[in-house]
Amino acid sequence: MRRALQLAYVDTSAYVKRFAQEPGSRELGRRTRGVRLVSSVLLWPESMSAIARKLRDGDLTDRMASRLRSGISEDLDRLLLVRTGPGVLSEAERLVFARSLRASDAVHLGSALRVSSGRNAPLAFLTADHDLADAATQEGLVVETFGD
């Protein structure tokens, strides 16, 4: 009998650690081996924004940034991406008031809650953002943090 593939939600703060050597990168790599990742469609533009910021700040060369962009673009085909439809947006609206989250964090958490609501098994929420981790815990998700 084949074991069901584990599913985990990953926000951008954790996801970029798959491609850059930062605190928590190794642990995240081990944790996500053999796991199907799901995230919001915000993951792609937020990841590209992080690369652009590091490039502007001089933390990346053009060549490094190009490799990161290519790697992330290829990897995104393996993720399940949640659209920001009315259900996710309503959840995000609730979260910005109930949990004092930034809009993008509320969309991530709202996306995870929508995915989680349709599952019999708990959905792991992977993040490196401690404020978002606290909000996700308060919302009843199983949270794992990576990094500082």
N, C-alpha and C. Protein backbone atom coordinates (compact mmCIF):
# COMPACT_ATOMS: atom_id res chain seq x y z
N MET A 1 0.84 -1.19 0.00
CA MET A 1 0.00 0.00 0.00
C MET A 1 0.88 1.25 0.00
N ARG A 2 0.55 2.18 -0.82
CA ARG A 2 1.34 3.40 -0.97
C ARG A 2 0.94 4.44 0.07
N ARG A 3 1.94 5.05 0.70
CA ARG A 3 1.70 6.07 1.71
C ARG A 3 1.30 7.38 1.04
N ALA A 4 0.31 8.07 1.63
CA ALA A 4 -0.13 9.35 1.10
C ALA A 4 1.00 10.38 1.23
N LEU A 5 1.15 11.19 0.23
CA LEU A 5 2.18 12.23 0.25
C LEU A 5 1.78 13.31 1.23
N GLN A 6 2.71 13.68 2.08
CA GLN A 6 2.45 14.72 3.06
C GLN A 6 2.38 16.08 2.36
N LEU A 7 1.50 16.93 2.85
CA LEU A 7 1.30 18.26 2.30
C LEU A 7 1.68 19.28 3.37
N ALA A 8 2.39 20.34 2.98
CA ALA A 8 2.75 21.41 3.92
C ALA A 8 2.63 22.74 3.21
N TYR A 9 2.12 23.74 3.92
CA TYR A 9 2.04 25.10 3.39
C TYR A 9 3.35 25.80 3.71
N VAL A 10 3.90 26.50 2.72
CA VAL A 10 5.14 27.25 2.92
C VAL A 10 4.92 28.71 2.52
N ASP A 11 5.28 29.63 3.41
CA ASP A 11 5.19 31.05 3.05
C ASP A 11 6.52 31.46 2.43
N THR A 12 6.59 32.67 1.92
CA THR A 12 7.77 33.13 1.20
C THR A 12 9.00 33.21 2.09
N SER A 13 8.83 33.61 3.34
CA SER A 13 9.99 33.74 4.24
C SER A 13 10.71 32.41 4.42
N ALA A 14 9.98 31.32 4.41
CA ALA A 14 10.60 29.99 4.50
C ALA A 14 11.03 29.50 3.13
N TYR A 15 10.20 29.73 2.13
CA TYR A 15 10.47 29.18 0.79
C TYR A 15 11.81 29.64 0.23
N VAL A 16 12.14 30.91 0.38
CA VAL A 16 13.40 31.42 -0.19
C VAL A 16 14.62 30.75 0.44
N LYS A 17 14.45 30.18 1.63
CA LYS A 17 15.55 29.46 2.28
C LYS A 17 15.91 28.18 1.53
N ARG A 18 15.04 27.72 0.67
CA ARG A 18 15.36 26.54 -0.15
C ARG A 18 16.44 26.86 -1.17
N PHE A 19 16.65 28.15 -1.45
CA PHE A 19 17.56 28.57 -2.52
C PHE A 19 18.74 29.39 -2.05
N ALA A 20 18.71 29.86 -0.83
CA ALA A 20 19.79 30.70 -0.29
C ALA A 20 20.27 30.10 1.02
N GLN A 21 21.54 30.16 1.25
CA GLN A 21 22.09 29.66 2.52
C GLN A 21 21.88 30.71 3.60
N GLU A 22 20.85 30.48 4.39
CA GLU A 22 20.50 31.37 5.49
C GLU A 22 20.25 30.50 6.72
N PRO A 23 20.18 31.11 7.89
CA PRO A 23 19.82 30.31 9.06
C PRO A 23 18.48 29.60 8.82
N GLY A 24 18.46 28.32 9.04
CA GLY A 24 17.26 27.52 8.86
C GLY A 24 17.16 26.82 7.52
N SER A 25 18.05 27.15 6.58
CA SER A 25 17.97 26.55 5.23
C SER A 25 18.12 25.03 5.26
N ARG A 26 19.10 24.56 5.97
CA ARG A 26 19.37 23.11 6.03
C ARG A 26 18.19 22.37 6.66
N GLU A 27 17.67 22.92 7.76
CA GLU A 27 16.54 22.29 8.45
C GLU A 27 15.30 22.26 7.56
N LEU A 28 15.07 23.36 6.85
CA LEU A 28 13.93 23.41 5.94
C LEU A 28 14.09 22.38 4.82
N GLY A 29 15.29 22.26 4.29
CA GLY A 29 15.55 21.28 3.24
C GLY A 29 15.24 19.87 3.70
N ARG A 30 15.67 19.53 4.91
CA ARG A 30 15.36 18.20 5.45
C ARG A 30 13.86 18.03 5.67
N ARG A 31 13.22 19.06 6.19
CA ARG A 31 11.79 18.98 6.52
C ARG A 31 10.92 18.82 5.28
N THR A 32 11.33 19.42 4.18
CA THR A 32 10.48 19.41 2.99
C THR A 32 10.81 18.28 2.01
N ARG A 33 11.80 17.47 2.32
CA ARG A 33 12.13 16.33 1.46
C ARG A 33 10.96 15.36 1.42
N GLY A 34 10.46 15.08 0.24
CA GLY A 34 9.35 14.15 0.09
C GLY A 34 8.00 14.72 0.45
N VAL A 35 7.92 16.04 0.60
CA VAL A 35 6.68 16.72 0.99
C VAL A 35 6.19 17.54 -0.19
N ARG A 36 4.90 17.49 -0.46
CA ARG A 36 4.31 18.34 -1.49
C ARG A 36 4.02 19.70 -0.85
N LEU A 37 4.59 20.75 -1.43
CA LEU A 37 4.41 22.09 -0.88
C LEU A 37 3.26 22.81 -1.55
N VAL A 38 2.56 23.57 -0.76
CA VAL A 38 1.47 24.41 -1.24
C VAL A 38 1.71 25.82 -0.72
N SER A 39 1.33 26.81 -1.53
CA SER A 39 1.50 28.21 -1.12
C SER A 39 0.53 29.08 -1.90
N SER A 40 0.51 30.33 -1.55
CA SER A 40 -0.28 31.32 -2.27
C SER A 40 0.42 31.69 -3.58
N VAL A 41 -0.36 32.17 -4.54
CA VAL A 41 0.24 32.67 -5.78
C VAL A 41 1.16 33.86 -5.50
N LEU A 42 1.05 34.46 -4.32
CA LEU A 42 1.96 35.56 -3.94
C LEU A 42 3.40 35.09 -3.82
N LEU A 43 3.61 33.80 -3.67
CA LEU A 43 4.95 33.27 -3.46
C LEU A 43 5.91 33.70 -4.56
N TRP A 44 5.49 33.62 -5.81
CA TRP A 44 6.38 33.95 -6.92
C TRP A 44 6.79 35.42 -6.91
N PRO A 45 5.86 36.39 -6.93
CA PRO A 45 6.32 37.78 -6.93
C PRO A 45 7.05 38.17 -5.65
N GLU A 46 6.67 37.61 -4.51
CA GLU A 46 7.40 37.92 -3.28
C GLU A 46 8.83 37.37 -3.32
N SER A 47 9.00 36.19 -3.89
CA SER A 47 10.35 35.61 -4.02
C SER A 47 11.20 36.46 -4.94
N MET A 48 10.62 36.89 -6.06
CA MET A 48 11.36 37.74 -6.99
C MET A 48 11.71 39.08 -6.35
N SER A 49 10.81 39.61 -5.54
CA SER A 49 11.06 40.86 -4.83
C SER A 49 12.23 40.71 -3.85
N ALA A 50 12.29 39.58 -3.18
CA ALA A 50 13.39 39.33 -2.24
C ALA A 50 14.72 39.28 -2.98
N ILE A 51 14.74 38.64 -4.14
CA ILE A 51 15.96 38.57 -4.94
C ILE A 51 16.36 39.97 -5.41
N ALA A 52 15.40 40.73 -5.90
CA ALA A 52 15.68 42.09 -6.38
C ALA A 52 16.23 42.96 -5.25
N ARG A 53 15.68 42.82 -4.06
CA ARG A 53 16.15 43.60 -2.91
C ARG A 53 17.59 43.24 -2.57
N LYS A 54 17.90 41.93 -2.55
CA LYS A 54 19.27 41.50 -2.25
C LYS A 54 20.25 41.95 -3.34
N LEU A 55 19.78 41.99 -4.57
CA LEU A 55 20.61 42.46 -5.68
C LEU A 55 20.90 43.96 -5.51
N ARG A 56 19.87 44.75 -5.22
CA ARG A 56 20.04 46.20 -5.00
C ARG A 56 20.96 46.49 -3.82
N ASP A 57 20.84 45.66 -2.77
CA ASP A 57 21.64 45.87 -1.56
C ASP A 57 23.08 45.38 -1.71
N GLY A 58 23.38 44.75 -2.84
CA GLY A 58 24.73 44.25 -3.07
C GLY A 58 25.01 42.90 -2.44
N ASP A 59 23.98 42.23 -1.95
CA ASP A 59 24.16 40.91 -1.34
C ASP A 59 24.23 39.80 -2.38
N LEU A 60 23.84 40.09 -3.62
CA LEU A 60 23.88 39.13 -4.73
C LEU A 60 24.53 39.77 -5.94
N THR A 61 25.24 38.97 -6.71
CA THR A 61 25.73 39.44 -8.01
C THR A 61 24.61 39.21 -9.04
N ASP A 62 24.75 39.81 -10.22
CA ASP A 62 23.77 39.58 -11.28
C ASP A 62 23.66 38.09 -11.61
N ARG A 63 24.80 37.44 -11.66
CA ARG A 63 24.81 36.01 -11.99
C ARG A 63 24.09 35.17 -10.93
N MET A 64 24.35 35.47 -9.65
CA MET A 64 23.68 34.75 -8.57
C MET A 64 22.17 34.99 -8.62
N ALA A 65 21.78 36.23 -8.86
CA ALA A 65 20.35 36.56 -8.92
C ALA A 65 19.69 35.82 -10.08
N SER A 66 20.38 35.75 -11.21
CA SER A 66 19.83 35.05 -12.37
C SER A 66 19.63 33.56 -12.07
N ARG A 67 20.61 32.95 -11.40
CA ARG A 67 20.48 31.53 -11.04
C ARG A 67 19.33 31.32 -10.07
N LEU A 68 19.19 32.19 -9.09
CA LEU A 68 18.09 32.08 -8.13
C LEU A 68 16.74 32.22 -8.82
N ARG A 69 16.63 33.20 -9.70
CA ARG A 69 15.38 33.41 -10.43
C ARG A 69 15.01 32.17 -11.24
N SER A 70 15.98 31.60 -11.93
CA SER A 70 15.73 30.40 -12.73
C SER A 70 15.32 29.23 -11.85
N GLY A 71 16.05 29.04 -10.76
CA GLY A 71 15.75 27.92 -9.85
C GLY A 71 14.36 28.02 -9.25
N ILE A 72 13.99 29.20 -8.83
CA ILE A 72 12.66 29.40 -8.25
C ILE A 72 11.59 29.21 -9.31
N SER A 73 11.78 29.76 -10.48
CA SER A 73 10.79 29.63 -11.55
C SER A 73 10.56 28.15 -11.91
N GLU A 74 11.64 27.37 -11.98
CA GLU A 74 11.51 25.94 -12.27
C GLU A 74 10.83 25.21 -11.13
N ASP A 75 11.18 25.55 -9.90
CA ASP A 75 10.64 24.86 -8.74
C ASP A 75 9.15 25.12 -8.55
N LEU A 76 8.69 26.30 -8.94
CA LEU A 76 7.27 26.64 -8.75
C LEU A 76 6.34 25.68 -9.47
N ASP A 77 6.81 25.05 -10.53
CA ASP A 77 5.97 24.08 -11.25
C ASP A 77 5.65 22.87 -10.38
N ARG A 78 6.44 22.63 -9.33
CA ARG A 78 6.22 21.48 -8.45
C ARG A 78 5.31 21.82 -7.26
N LEU A 79 4.99 23.07 -7.09
CA LEU A 79 4.15 23.49 -5.97
C LEU A 79 2.68 23.56 -6.36
N LEU A 80 1.84 23.38 -5.38
CA LEU A 80 0.41 23.65 -5.56
C LEU A 80 0.21 25.11 -5.14
N LEU A 81 -0.30 25.92 -6.05
CA LEU A 81 -0.48 27.34 -5.74
C LEU A 81 -1.96 27.66 -5.57
N VAL A 82 -2.26 28.32 -4.47
CA VAL A 82 -3.63 28.69 -4.12
C VAL A 82 -3.94 30.06 -4.71
N ARG A 83 -5.00 30.14 -5.47
CA ARG A 83 -5.42 31.43 -6.03
C ARG A 83 -6.04 32.31 -4.96
N THR A 84 -5.97 33.60 -5.19
CA THR A 84 -6.55 34.53 -4.22
C THR A 84 -7.98 34.88 -4.62
N GLY A 85 -8.85 33.90 -4.55
CA GLY A 85 -10.26 34.10 -4.87
C GLY A 85 -11.00 34.71 -3.69
N PRO A 86 -12.32 34.84 -3.83
CA PRO A 86 -13.12 35.49 -2.78
C PRO A 86 -12.99 34.85 -1.40
N GLY A 87 -12.89 33.53 -1.34
CA GLY A 87 -12.76 32.86 -0.04
C GLY A 87 -11.47 33.23 0.67
N VAL A 88 -10.38 33.21 -0.05
CA VAL A 88 -9.08 33.57 0.54
C VAL A 88 -9.08 35.05 0.92
N LEU A 89 -9.63 35.89 0.06
CA LEU A 89 -9.63 37.34 0.35
C LEU A 89 -10.51 37.68 1.55
N SER A 90 -11.63 37.00 1.71
CA SER A 90 -12.48 37.22 2.89
C SER A 90 -11.74 36.80 4.16
N GLU A 91 -11.06 35.67 4.06
CA GLU A 91 -10.28 35.19 5.21
C GLU A 91 -9.15 36.18 5.53
N ALA A 92 -8.49 36.68 4.50
CA ALA A 92 -7.41 37.66 4.69
C ALA A 92 -7.94 38.93 5.35
N GLU A 93 -9.10 39.37 4.92
CA GLU A 93 -9.69 40.56 5.53
C GLU A 93 -9.92 40.34 7.02
N ARG A 94 -10.48 39.20 7.37
CA ARG A 94 -10.70 38.88 8.78
C ARG A 94 -9.39 38.90 9.55
N LEU A 95 -8.35 38.32 8.96
CA LEU A 95 -7.06 38.19 9.63
C LEU A 95 -6.34 39.51 9.85
N VAL A 96 -6.46 40.46 8.92
CA VAL A 96 -5.77 41.74 9.13
C VAL A 96 -6.34 42.47 10.35
N PHE A 97 -7.61 42.24 10.66
CA PHE A 97 -8.21 42.87 11.83
C PHE A 97 -8.03 42.01 13.08
N ALA A 98 -8.22 40.69 12.95
CA ALA A 98 -8.16 39.81 14.11
C ALA A 98 -6.73 39.57 14.60
N ARG A 99 -5.78 39.55 13.69
CA ARG A 99 -4.40 39.18 14.04
C ARG A 99 -3.38 40.27 13.73
N SER A 100 -3.82 41.44 13.31
CA SER A 100 -2.92 42.56 13.01
C SER A 100 -1.81 42.19 12.03
N LEU A 101 -2.17 41.48 10.98
CA LEU A 101 -1.19 41.05 9.98
C LEU A 101 -1.10 42.04 8.83
N ARG A 102 0.07 42.06 8.18
CA ARG A 102 0.21 42.78 6.91
C ARG A 102 -0.63 42.04 5.88
N ALA A 103 -0.99 42.74 4.82
CA ALA A 103 -1.88 42.17 3.81
C ALA A 103 -1.33 40.87 3.22
N SER A 104 -0.06 40.86 2.82
CA SER A 104 0.48 39.66 2.19
C SER A 104 0.53 38.49 3.17
N ASP A 105 0.85 38.74 4.42
CA ASP A 105 0.85 37.67 5.42
C ASP A 105 -0.57 37.15 5.65
N ALA A 106 -1.54 38.05 5.63
CA ALA A 106 -2.93 37.63 5.79
C ALA A 106 -3.38 36.76 4.61
N VAL A 107 -2.92 37.08 3.41
CA VAL A 107 -3.26 36.25 2.24
C VAL A 107 -2.61 34.88 2.38
N HIS A 108 -1.36 34.83 2.82
CA HIS A 108 -0.72 33.52 3.03
C HIS A 108 -1.47 32.70 4.07
N LEU A 109 -1.76 33.30 5.20
CA LEU A 109 -2.44 32.57 6.25
C LEU A 109 -3.86 32.20 5.83
N GLY A 110 -4.55 33.11 5.16
CA GLY A 110 -5.88 32.80 4.65
C GLY A 110 -5.85 31.65 3.66
N SER A 111 -4.84 31.60 2.81
CA SER A 111 -4.69 30.51 1.85
C SER A 111 -4.48 29.19 2.58
N ALA A 112 -3.61 29.20 3.59
CA ALA A 112 -3.34 27.99 4.36
C ALA A 112 -4.60 27.50 5.08
N LEU A 113 -5.35 28.43 5.64
CA LEU A 113 -6.57 28.05 6.35
C LEU A 113 -7.60 27.45 5.40
N ARG A 114 -7.69 27.98 4.19
CA ARG A 114 -8.63 27.43 3.20
C ARG A 114 -8.22 26.01 2.81
N VAL A 115 -6.92 25.79 2.61
CA VAL A 115 -6.43 24.45 2.27
C VAL A 115 -6.67 23.51 3.44
N SER A 116 -6.37 23.98 4.63
CA SER A 116 -6.50 23.15 5.83
C SER A 116 -7.94 22.74 6.10
N SER A 117 -8.88 23.62 5.79
CA SER A 117 -10.29 23.32 6.09
C SER A 117 -10.82 22.14 5.28
N GLY A 118 -10.20 21.83 4.17
CA GLY A 118 -10.66 20.72 3.35
C GLY A 118 -9.92 19.42 3.59
N ARG A 119 -9.12 19.36 4.64
CA ARG A 119 -8.28 18.17 4.89
C ARG A 119 -8.70 17.46 6.17
N ASN A 120 -8.49 16.15 6.17
CA ASN A 120 -8.71 15.36 7.39
C ASN A 120 -7.48 15.39 8.29
N ALA A 121 -6.30 15.54 7.69
CA ALA A 121 -5.05 15.57 8.45
C ALA A 121 -4.63 17.02 8.66
N PRO A 122 -3.90 17.28 9.75
CA PRO A 122 -3.43 18.66 9.98
C PRO A 122 -2.46 19.11 8.88
N LEU A 123 -2.52 20.38 8.57
CA LEU A 123 -1.64 20.97 7.57
C LEU A 123 -0.51 21.69 8.30
N ALA A 124 0.73 21.32 8.00
CA ALA A 124 1.88 22.02 8.59
C ALA A 124 2.03 23.37 7.90
N PHE A 125 2.32 24.39 8.67
CA PHE A 125 2.54 25.75 8.17
C PHE A 125 3.99 26.09 8.43
N LEU A 126 4.78 26.21 7.35
CA LEU A 126 6.23 26.44 7.45
C LEU A 126 6.52 27.92 7.19
N THR A 127 7.24 28.55 8.12
CA THR A 127 7.52 29.98 8.00
C THR A 127 8.81 30.33 8.73
N ALA A 128 9.37 31.47 8.39
CA ALA A 128 10.50 32.04 9.13
C ALA A 128 10.08 33.35 9.78
N ASP A 129 8.82 33.71 9.68
CA ASP A 129 8.28 34.96 10.19
C ASP A 129 7.58 34.68 11.52
N HIS A 130 8.15 35.20 12.60
CA HIS A 130 7.62 34.87 13.93
C HIS A 130 6.24 35.47 14.19
N ASP A 131 5.95 36.66 13.68
CA ASP A 131 4.61 37.23 13.84
C ASP A 131 3.57 36.38 13.11
N LEU A 132 3.90 35.96 11.91
CA LEU A 132 2.99 35.11 11.15
C LEU A 132 2.85 33.75 11.82
N ALA A 133 3.94 33.22 12.36
CA ALA A 133 3.88 31.94 13.09
C ALA A 133 2.92 32.05 14.27
N ASP A 134 3.01 33.15 15.02
CA ASP A 134 2.11 33.34 16.16
C ASP A 134 0.65 33.38 15.72
N ALA A 135 0.38 34.12 14.64
CA ALA A 135 -1.00 34.22 14.14
C ALA A 135 -1.49 32.85 13.65
N ALA A 136 -0.64 32.11 12.96
CA ALA A 136 -1.04 30.79 12.45
C ALA A 136 -1.31 29.83 13.60
N THR A 137 -0.52 29.91 14.66
CA THR A 137 -0.75 29.08 15.84
C THR A 137 -2.09 29.43 16.47
N GLN A 138 -2.37 30.73 16.58
CA GLN A 138 -3.65 31.17 17.16
C GLN A 138 -4.83 30.72 16.31
N GLU A 139 -4.59 30.53 15.01
CA GLU A 139 -5.65 30.07 14.12
C GLU A 139 -5.76 28.54 14.08
N GLY A 140 -4.91 27.86 14.86
CA GLY A 140 -5.02 26.42 14.99
C GLY A 140 -4.18 25.58 14.04
N LEU A 141 -3.26 26.21 13.31
CA LEU A 141 -2.40 25.44 12.41
C LEU A 141 -1.21 24.88 13.17
N VAL A 142 -0.64 23.81 12.64
CA VAL A 142 0.58 23.23 13.19
C VAL A 142 1.74 24.00 12.55
N VAL A 143 2.45 24.79 13.33
CA VAL A 143 3.45 25.73 12.80
C VAL A 143 4.85 25.22 13.08
N GLU A 144 5.70 25.35 12.06
CA GLU A 144 7.13 25.05 12.20
C GLU A 144 7.88 26.27 11.69
N THR A 145 8.81 26.78 12.51
CA THR A 145 9.58 27.95 12.11
C THR A 145 11.01 27.55 11.76
N PHE A 146 11.60 28.32 10.84
CA PHE A 146 12.94 28.06 10.35
C PHE A 146 13.72 29.37 10.34
N GLY A 147 14.89 29.35 10.94
CA GLY A 147 15.71 30.56 10.94
C GLY A 147 15.73 31.20 12.30
N ASP A 148 16.14 32.46 12.31
CA ASP A 148 16.33 33.21 13.57
C ASP A 148 15.11 33.17 14.45
